[in-house]
Amino acid sequence: MPVLRVRRAGLRLRGIPLRNTRHMCGSLLVALKVHSKAAQRKLSEAMGGSRTDG
């Protein structure tokens, strides 16, 4: 069903290049007003980071 919503909105349906997914995730977190430290932690986890930023 999401495909139909995309088409009805007049948008082209295309894949998101892998290199853009981190930026898109960051943009979505900002749009959702997620706290910056939580967003930073989530993006770090998504990139496979194992370091801990106190």
Protein backbone atom coordinates (compact mmCIF):
# COMPACT_ATOMS: atom_id res chain seq x y z
CA MET A 1 0.00 0.00 0.00
CA PRO A 2 2.80 2.53 0.63
CA VAL A 3 3.68 2.36 -3.08
CA LEU A 4 0.18 3.54 -3.96
CA ARG A 5 0.52 6.50 -1.60
CA VAL A 6 3.79 7.49 -3.21
CA ARG A 7 2.27 7.32 -6.68
CA ARG A 8 -0.87 9.22 -5.65
CA ALA A 9 1.33 11.97 -4.24
CA GLY A 10 2.88 12.33 -7.69
CA LEU A 11 6.32 11.23 -6.57
CA ARG A 12 8.61 8.93 -8.46
CA LEU A 13 9.30 5.64 -6.78
CA ARG A 14 12.99 4.89 -6.79
CA GLY A 15 15.45 3.28 -4.47
CA ILE A 16 17.57 5.25 -2.04
CA PRO A 17 21.29 4.85 -2.70
CA LEU A 18 23.00 3.20 0.25
CA ARG A 19 25.33 6.16 0.73
CA ASN A 20 22.32 8.46 1.30
CA THR A 21 20.58 6.40 3.95
CA ARG A 22 22.55 7.87 6.87
CA HIS A 23 21.75 11.42 5.76
CA MET A 24 18.09 10.54 5.29
CA CYS A 25 17.96 8.95 8.74
CA GLY A 26 19.53 12.07 10.25
CA SER A 27 17.03 14.30 8.49
CA LEU A 28 14.13 12.19 9.74
CA LEU A 29 15.45 12.31 13.30
CA VAL A 30 15.66 16.13 13.09
CA ALA A 31 12.14 16.31 11.65
CA LEU A 32 10.90 14.15 14.54
CA LYS A 33 12.66 16.50 16.99
CA VAL A 34 14.74 13.71 18.51
CA HIS A 35 17.26 15.01 21.05
CA SER A 36 20.64 15.58 19.40
CA LYS A 37 22.57 13.21 21.68
CA ALA A 38 20.05 10.42 21.09
CA ALA A 39 20.18 11.02 17.33
CA GLN A 40 23.97 11.02 17.37
CA ARG A 41 24.00 7.74 19.30
CA LYS A 42 21.49 6.16 16.90
CA LEU A 43 23.47 7.22 13.82
CA SER A 44 26.68 5.94 15.36
CA GLU A 45 25.06 2.56 16.04
CA ALA A 46 23.71 2.43 12.50
CA MET A 47 27.21 2.86 11.11
CA GLY A 48 28.47 -0.03 13.22
CA GLY A 49 30.29 2.18 15.66
CA SER A 50 31.40 0.53 18.83
CA ARG A 51 32.86 3.55 20.56
CA THR A 52 31.03 5.13 23.46
CA ASP A 53 30.72 8.89 23.75
CA GLY A 54 30.17 9.53 27.46
